[in-house]
Amino acid sequence: DFISFRHHTYSRNGGEIVLDEVGPRFEMRPFCIKLGTLENIEAAETEWVLRPYMNTARKRNILSDNI
């Protein structure tokens, strides 16, 4: 899942509308989406999380104690 950003302008030539891409474009891959505003981010609920970025330190400690 990616979020794409592009900057476009449009102009009218007679009865036709022309769309031009003028700015830089880029894509972002979010790792966490929270519900709420930035002022209250600690109390915001997590709507979506990309699992590869989860902290595995606790799992590593449990595995190392059992060996």
N, C-alpha and C. Protein backbone atom coordinates (compact mmCIF):
# COMPACT_ATOMS: atom_id res chain seq x y z
N ASP A 1 0.84 -1.18 0.00
CA ASP A 1 0.00 0.00 0.00
C ASP A 1 0.88 1.24 0.00
N PHE A 2 0.62 2.14 -0.92
CA PHE A 2 1.38 3.37 -1.05
C PHE A 2 0.43 4.55 -1.14
N ILE A 3 0.90 5.71 -0.73
CA ILE A 3 0.19 6.97 -0.91
C ILE A 3 0.98 7.77 -1.93
N SER A 4 0.35 8.13 -3.04
CA SER A 4 1.02 8.85 -4.13
C SER A 4 0.67 10.33 -4.09
N PHE A 5 1.68 11.18 -4.30
CA PHE A 5 1.50 12.63 -4.35
C PHE A 5 1.96 13.13 -5.71
N ARG A 6 1.13 13.95 -6.33
CA ARG A 6 1.48 14.56 -7.62
C ARG A 6 0.94 15.98 -7.65
N HIS A 7 1.62 16.85 -8.39
CA HIS A 7 1.22 18.25 -8.50
C HIS A 7 0.82 18.52 -9.95
N HIS A 8 -0.44 18.91 -10.15
CA HIS A 8 -0.95 19.16 -11.50
C HIS A 8 -1.51 20.58 -11.61
N THR A 9 -1.47 21.11 -12.80
CA THR A 9 -2.19 22.34 -13.14
C THR A 9 -3.03 22.06 -14.37
N TYR A 10 -4.05 22.86 -14.54
CA TYR A 10 -4.87 22.69 -15.73
C TYR A 10 -5.08 24.04 -16.39
N SER A 11 -5.28 24.01 -17.69
CA SER A 11 -5.56 25.23 -18.45
C SER A 11 -6.63 24.91 -19.48
N ARG A 12 -7.33 25.95 -19.88
CA ARG A 12 -8.39 25.79 -20.88
C ARG A 12 -7.93 26.35 -22.21
N ASN A 13 -7.98 25.52 -23.21
CA ASN A 13 -7.67 25.95 -24.58
C ASN A 13 -8.95 25.80 -25.39
N GLY A 14 -9.67 26.89 -25.51
CA GLY A 14 -10.97 26.82 -26.20
C GLY A 14 -11.95 26.02 -25.38
N GLY A 15 -12.45 24.94 -25.92
CA GLY A 15 -13.37 24.08 -25.19
C GLY A 15 -12.69 22.88 -24.57
N GLU A 16 -11.37 22.80 -24.68
CA GLU A 16 -10.62 21.64 -24.19
C GLU A 16 -9.86 22.01 -22.93
N ILE A 17 -9.80 21.10 -21.97
CA ILE A 17 -9.04 21.31 -20.73
C ILE A 17 -7.79 20.45 -20.81
N VAL A 18 -6.62 21.09 -20.58
CA VAL A 18 -5.34 20.40 -20.65
C VAL A 18 -4.77 20.28 -19.23
N LEU A 19 -4.39 19.08 -18.85
CA LEU A 19 -3.84 18.80 -17.54
C LEU A 19 -2.34 18.56 -17.68
N ASP A 20 -1.53 19.32 -16.90
CA ASP A 20 -0.06 19.19 -16.94
C ASP A 20 0.46 18.84 -15.56
N GLU A 21 1.41 17.91 -15.52
CA GLU A 21 2.08 17.59 -14.26
C GLU A 21 3.29 18.51 -14.14
N VAL A 22 3.34 19.33 -13.08
CA VAL A 22 4.39 20.35 -12.98
C VAL A 22 5.38 20.11 -11.85
N GLY A 23 4.97 19.46 -10.81
CA GLY A 23 5.84 19.37 -9.65
C GLY A 23 6.45 18.00 -9.48
N PRO A 24 7.25 17.88 -8.45
CA PRO A 24 7.82 16.56 -8.17
C PRO A 24 6.73 15.61 -7.70
N ARG A 25 6.88 14.36 -8.03
CA ARG A 25 5.94 13.35 -7.55
C ARG A 25 6.71 12.37 -6.68
N PHE A 26 6.02 11.85 -5.69
CA PHE A 26 6.66 10.87 -4.82
C PHE A 26 5.60 9.96 -4.21
N GLU A 27 6.06 8.85 -3.68
CA GLU A 27 5.18 7.88 -3.03
C GLU A 27 5.70 7.62 -1.63
N MET A 28 4.77 7.44 -0.71
CA MET A 28 5.12 7.12 0.67
C MET A 28 4.48 5.79 1.04
N ARG A 29 5.19 5.02 1.83
CA ARG A 29 4.65 3.77 2.35
C ARG A 29 4.46 3.94 3.86
N PRO A 30 3.23 4.12 4.29
CA PRO A 30 3.00 4.35 5.73
C PRO A 30 3.25 3.09 6.54
N PHE A 31 3.68 3.26 7.78
CA PHE A 31 3.85 2.12 8.67
C PHE A 31 2.79 2.10 9.76
N CYS A 32 2.07 3.23 9.95
CA CYS A 32 1.03 3.28 10.97
C CYS A 32 0.05 4.39 10.61
N ILE A 33 -1.25 4.11 10.73
CA ILE A 33 -2.28 5.12 10.52
C ILE A 33 -3.08 5.23 11.81
N LYS A 34 -3.14 6.43 12.38
CA LYS A 34 -3.84 6.67 13.64
C LYS A 34 -5.10 7.47 13.40
N LEU A 35 -6.13 7.23 14.21
CA LEU A 35 -7.35 8.01 14.17
C LEU A 35 -7.21 9.19 15.13
N GLY A 36 -7.54 10.38 14.70
CA GLY A 36 -7.46 11.54 15.56
C GLY A 36 -6.55 12.60 14.99
N THR A 37 -6.23 13.59 15.82
CA THR A 37 -5.39 14.70 15.39
C THR A 37 -4.00 14.58 16.01
N LEU A 38 -3.07 15.37 15.50
CA LEU A 38 -1.69 15.33 16.00
C LEU A 38 -1.56 15.90 17.40
N GLU A 39 -2.50 16.75 17.81
CA GLU A 39 -2.43 17.32 19.16
C GLU A 39 -2.64 16.26 20.23
N ASN A 40 -3.40 15.22 19.91
CA ASN A 40 -3.73 14.19 20.90
C ASN A 40 -3.33 12.81 20.38
N ILE A 41 -2.11 12.68 19.90
CA ILE A 41 -1.66 11.45 19.25
C ILE A 41 -1.49 10.29 20.24
N GLU A 42 -1.20 10.58 21.51
CA GLU A 42 -1.03 9.51 22.49
C GLU A 42 -2.34 8.78 22.77
N ALA A 43 -3.46 9.50 22.70
CA ALA A 43 -4.77 8.91 22.99
C ALA A 43 -5.45 8.38 21.74
N ALA A 44 -4.85 8.56 20.58
CA ALA A 44 -5.49 8.15 19.33
C ALA A 44 -5.44 6.64 19.17
N GLU A 45 -6.51 6.10 18.59
CA GLU A 45 -6.55 4.67 18.30
C GLU A 45 -5.77 4.38 17.02
N THR A 46 -5.16 3.21 16.96
CA THR A 46 -4.45 2.80 15.77
C THR A 46 -5.43 2.14 14.81
N GLU A 47 -5.54 2.69 13.60
CA GLU A 47 -6.46 2.14 12.61
C GLU A 47 -5.79 1.04 11.78
N TRP A 48 -4.51 1.21 11.46
CA TRP A 48 -3.81 0.25 10.61
C TRP A 48 -2.33 0.28 10.93
N VAL A 49 -1.67 -0.89 10.91
CA VAL A 49 -0.23 -1.00 11.19
C VAL A 49 0.39 -1.94 10.17
N LEU A 50 1.52 -1.55 9.63
CA LEU A 50 2.29 -2.42 8.74
C LEU A 50 3.10 -3.36 9.62
N ARG A 51 2.82 -4.62 9.57
CA ARG A 51 3.39 -5.59 10.50
C ARG A 51 4.91 -5.77 10.44
N PRO A 52 5.61 -5.64 9.33
CA PRO A 52 7.06 -5.82 9.35
C PRO A 52 7.80 -4.84 10.26
N TYR A 53 7.17 -3.73 10.64
CA TYR A 53 7.83 -2.75 11.48
C TYR A 53 7.48 -2.90 12.96
N MET A 54 6.89 -4.01 13.34
CA MET A 54 6.55 -4.24 14.74
C MET A 54 7.82 -4.54 15.53
N ASN A 55 7.84 -4.16 16.79
CA ASN A 55 8.99 -4.39 17.67
C ASN A 55 9.02 -5.86 18.07
N THR A 56 10.11 -6.53 17.79
CA THR A 56 10.22 -7.96 18.11
C THR A 56 11.17 -8.21 19.27
N ALA A 57 11.52 -7.18 20.03
CA ALA A 57 12.47 -7.34 21.13
C ALA A 57 11.93 -8.28 22.20
N ARG A 58 10.63 -8.17 22.52
CA ARG A 58 10.05 -9.02 23.55
C ARG A 58 10.07 -10.49 23.09
N LYS A 59 9.74 -10.73 21.84
CA LYS A 59 9.74 -12.09 21.31
C LYS A 59 11.17 -12.65 21.35
N ARG A 60 12.15 -11.84 21.04
CA ARG A 60 13.53 -12.29 21.06
C ARG A 60 13.96 -12.66 22.48
N ASN A 61 13.54 -11.87 23.47
CA ASN A 61 13.89 -12.17 24.86
C ASN A 61 13.25 -13.47 25.32
N ILE A 62 12.01 -13.72 24.95
CA ILE A 62 11.34 -14.96 25.33
C ILE A 62 12.04 -16.15 24.70
N LEU A 63 12.40 -16.05 23.45
CA LEU A 63 13.09 -17.15 22.78
C LEU A 63 14.46 -17.41 23.38
N SER A 64 15.18 -16.35 23.75
CA SER A 64 16.52 -16.54 24.30
C SER A 64 16.48 -17.13 25.70
N ASP A 65 15.42 -16.88 26.49
CA ASP A 65 15.32 -17.45 27.83
C ASP A 65 15.02 -18.95 27.79
N ASN A 66 14.32 -19.40 26.76
CA ASN A 66 13.95 -20.81 26.67
C ASN A 66 15.07 -21.68 26.14
N ILE A 67 16.08 -21.12 25.56
CA ILE A 67 17.15 -21.92 24.95
C ILE A 67 18.21 -22.29 25.94
